[in-house]
Amino acid sequence: MNTLAQELLKNFDDLPQTEQQALAVEILKRVVNFDVPPLTDEDLVLNAEELFLALDEQETDDE
């Protein structure tokens, strides 16, 4: 990922949740027709692991 993409993600993270959701909808509208290969089982496992770790961290922060 290049520097511009990383900066975009940082700016996205700094937005209020309602703005993040609105932006996500607009991005999804633009990428829905991309020719993307299907995810492998390994990709799914890695993404699930990242998600669960993030949720665990959030849960810990909320306590």
N, C-alpha and C. Protein backbone atom coordinates (compact mmCIF):
# COMPACT_ATOMS: atom_id res chain seq x y z
N MET A 1 0.86 -1.17 0.00
CA MET A 1 0.00 0.00 0.00
C MET A 1 0.91 1.23 0.00
N ASN A 2 0.59 2.17 -0.85
CA ASN A 2 1.44 3.36 -0.93
C ASN A 2 1.08 4.39 0.14
N THR A 3 1.88 5.43 0.21
CA THR A 3 1.73 6.45 1.25
C THR A 3 0.38 7.15 1.16
N LEU A 4 -0.09 7.42 -0.06
CA LEU A 4 -1.38 8.10 -0.23
C LEU A 4 -2.51 7.24 0.33
N ALA A 5 -2.49 5.95 0.03
CA ALA A 5 -3.53 5.06 0.54
C ALA A 5 -3.49 5.00 2.06
N GLN A 6 -2.30 4.94 2.64
CA GLN A 6 -2.18 4.92 4.09
C GLN A 6 -2.72 6.21 4.70
N GLU A 7 -2.45 7.33 4.06
CA GLU A 7 -2.96 8.62 4.55
C GLU A 7 -4.49 8.66 4.46
N LEU A 8 -5.04 8.12 3.38
CA LEU A 8 -6.50 8.06 3.25
C LEU A 8 -7.11 7.24 4.38
N LEU A 9 -6.50 6.11 4.69
CA LEU A 9 -7.01 5.27 5.78
C LEU A 9 -6.91 5.98 7.13
N LYS A 10 -5.82 6.68 7.35
CA LYS A 10 -5.67 7.43 8.60
C LYS A 10 -6.76 8.49 8.71
N ASN A 11 -6.98 9.22 7.62
CA ASN A 11 -8.02 10.25 7.62
C ASN A 11 -9.40 9.63 7.83
N PHE A 12 -9.63 8.46 7.23
CA PHE A 12 -10.90 7.76 7.43
C PHE A 12 -11.09 7.42 8.91
N ASP A 13 -10.03 6.91 9.54
CA ASP A 13 -10.10 6.54 10.96
C ASP A 13 -10.39 7.74 11.85
N ASP A 14 -10.00 8.93 11.41
CA ASP A 14 -10.20 10.14 12.20
C ASP A 14 -11.62 10.71 12.06
N LEU A 15 -12.38 10.22 11.10
CA LEU A 15 -13.74 10.72 10.89
C LEU A 15 -14.70 10.18 11.95
N PRO A 16 -15.78 10.93 12.21
CA PRO A 16 -16.83 10.39 13.09
C PRO A 16 -17.45 9.16 12.42
N GLN A 17 -18.03 8.29 13.21
CA GLN A 17 -18.57 7.03 12.70
C GLN A 17 -19.60 7.24 11.59
N THR A 18 -20.45 8.24 11.72
CA THR A 18 -21.47 8.46 10.68
C THR A 18 -20.81 8.83 9.35
N GLU A 19 -19.74 9.60 9.39
CA GLU A 19 -19.02 9.96 8.17
C GLU A 19 -18.28 8.75 7.60
N GLN A 20 -17.74 7.91 8.48
CA GLN A 20 -17.08 6.68 8.03
C GLN A 20 -18.07 5.80 7.28
N GLN A 21 -19.27 5.67 7.83
CA GLN A 21 -20.29 4.83 7.20
C GLN A 21 -20.70 5.40 5.84
N ALA A 22 -20.89 6.70 5.76
CA ALA A 22 -21.28 7.33 4.50
C ALA A 22 -20.17 7.16 3.45
N LEU A 23 -18.94 7.34 3.86
CA LEU A 23 -17.81 7.18 2.95
C LEU A 23 -17.68 5.73 2.50
N ALA A 24 -17.85 4.80 3.42
CA ALA A 24 -17.76 3.38 3.08
C ALA A 24 -18.80 3.01 2.03
N VAL A 25 -20.01 3.52 2.17
CA VAL A 25 -21.06 3.25 1.20
C VAL A 25 -20.65 3.77 -0.18
N GLU A 26 -20.10 4.97 -0.24
CA GLU A 26 -19.68 5.53 -1.52
C GLU A 26 -18.54 4.73 -2.15
N ILE A 27 -17.61 4.28 -1.32
CA ILE A 27 -16.50 3.47 -1.84
C ILE A 27 -17.03 2.13 -2.36
N LEU A 28 -17.92 1.51 -1.60
CA LEU A 28 -18.49 0.23 -2.04
C LEU A 28 -19.24 0.37 -3.36
N LYS A 29 -19.92 1.47 -3.56
CA LYS A 29 -20.61 1.71 -4.84
C LYS A 29 -19.62 1.72 -6.00
N ARG A 30 -18.41 2.22 -5.74
CA ARG A 30 -17.41 2.33 -6.80
C ARG A 30 -16.67 1.02 -7.06
N VAL A 31 -16.56 0.16 -6.07
CA VAL A 31 -15.77 -1.06 -6.23
C VAL A 31 -16.61 -2.31 -6.47
N VAL A 32 -17.91 -2.18 -6.44
CA VAL A 32 -18.78 -3.35 -6.57
C VAL A 32 -18.54 -4.09 -7.89
N ASN A 33 -18.12 -3.42 -8.92
CA ASN A 33 -17.92 -4.06 -10.21
C ASN A 33 -16.46 -4.42 -10.50
N PHE A 34 -15.58 -4.31 -9.51
CA PHE A 34 -14.18 -4.71 -9.71
C PHE A 34 -14.12 -6.21 -9.97
N ASP A 35 -13.21 -6.60 -10.83
CA ASP A 35 -12.99 -8.02 -11.09
C ASP A 35 -11.97 -8.52 -10.09
N VAL A 36 -12.45 -9.00 -8.95
CA VAL A 36 -11.59 -9.42 -7.85
C VAL A 36 -11.67 -10.94 -7.73
N PRO A 37 -10.50 -11.61 -7.66
CA PRO A 37 -10.55 -13.06 -7.50
C PRO A 37 -11.16 -13.43 -6.15
N PRO A 38 -11.75 -14.62 -6.07
CA PRO A 38 -12.34 -15.04 -4.79
C PRO A 38 -11.27 -15.18 -3.71
N LEU A 39 -11.68 -14.95 -2.47
CA LEU A 39 -10.77 -15.11 -1.34
C LEU A 39 -10.49 -16.58 -1.10
N THR A 40 -9.25 -16.85 -0.74
CA THR A 40 -8.89 -18.22 -0.38
C THR A 40 -9.27 -18.47 1.08
N ASP A 41 -9.27 -19.72 1.47
CA ASP A 41 -9.54 -20.05 2.87
C ASP A 41 -8.51 -19.38 3.77
N GLU A 42 -7.25 -19.33 3.33
CA GLU A 42 -6.20 -18.69 4.12
C GLU A 42 -6.49 -17.19 4.29
N ASP A 43 -6.94 -16.53 3.21
CA ASP A 43 -7.30 -15.12 3.31
C ASP A 43 -8.41 -14.91 4.33
N LEU A 44 -9.42 -15.76 4.28
CA LEU A 44 -10.55 -15.63 5.20
C LEU A 44 -10.12 -15.84 6.64
N VAL A 45 -9.26 -16.82 6.88
CA VAL A 45 -8.79 -17.10 8.23
C VAL A 45 -7.98 -15.91 8.76
N LEU A 46 -7.08 -15.36 7.93
CA LEU A 46 -6.27 -14.22 8.36
C LEU A 46 -7.14 -13.00 8.66
N ASN A 47 -8.14 -12.75 7.83
CA ASN A 47 -9.03 -11.62 8.06
C ASN A 47 -9.87 -11.83 9.31
N ALA A 48 -10.34 -13.05 9.51
CA ALA A 48 -11.13 -13.33 10.71
C ALA A 48 -10.27 -13.16 11.96
N GLU A 49 -9.02 -13.62 11.89
CA GLU A 49 -8.13 -13.48 13.03
C GLU A 49 -7.91 -12.00 13.37
N GLU A 50 -7.66 -11.19 12.35
CA GLU A 50 -7.47 -9.75 12.59
C GLU A 50 -8.72 -9.13 13.21
N LEU A 51 -9.88 -9.52 12.70
CA LEU A 51 -11.14 -8.97 13.21
C LEU A 51 -11.35 -9.37 14.67
N PHE A 52 -11.14 -10.63 15.00
CA PHE A 52 -11.34 -11.08 16.38
C PHE A 52 -10.34 -10.42 17.33
N LEU A 53 -9.09 -10.25 16.88
CA LEU A 53 -8.10 -9.57 17.72
C LEU A 53 -8.52 -8.12 17.98
N ALA A 54 -9.02 -7.45 16.94
CA ALA A 54 -9.47 -6.07 17.10
C ALA A 54 -10.67 -5.99 18.05
N LEU A 55 -11.59 -6.95 17.92
CA LEU A 55 -12.75 -6.97 18.81
C LEU A 55 -12.34 -7.25 20.25
N ASP A 56 -11.40 -8.16 20.43
CA ASP A 56 -10.88 -8.43 21.79
C ASP A 56 -10.25 -7.19 22.39
N GLU A 57 -9.47 -6.48 21.59
CA GLU A 57 -8.83 -5.26 22.08
C GLU A 57 -9.87 -4.20 22.44
N GLN A 58 -10.89 -4.07 21.60
CA GLN A 58 -11.95 -3.10 21.88
C GLN A 58 -12.69 -3.47 23.15
N GLU A 59 -12.96 -4.76 23.31
CA GLU A 59 -13.66 -5.22 24.51
C GLU A 59 -12.83 -4.94 25.77
N THR A 60 -11.53 -5.16 25.67
CA THR A 60 -10.63 -4.89 26.79
C THR A 60 -10.63 -3.40 27.12
N ASP A 61 -10.60 -2.56 26.09
CA ASP A 61 -10.62 -1.11 26.29
C ASP A 61 -11.92 -0.65 26.94
N ASP A 62 -13.03 -1.32 26.61
CA ASP A 62 -14.33 -0.93 27.15
C ASP A 62 -14.51 -1.32 28.61
N GLU A 63 -13.69 -2.24 29.10
CA GLU A 63 -13.85 -2.70 30.48
C GLU A 63 -13.23 -1.76 31.47
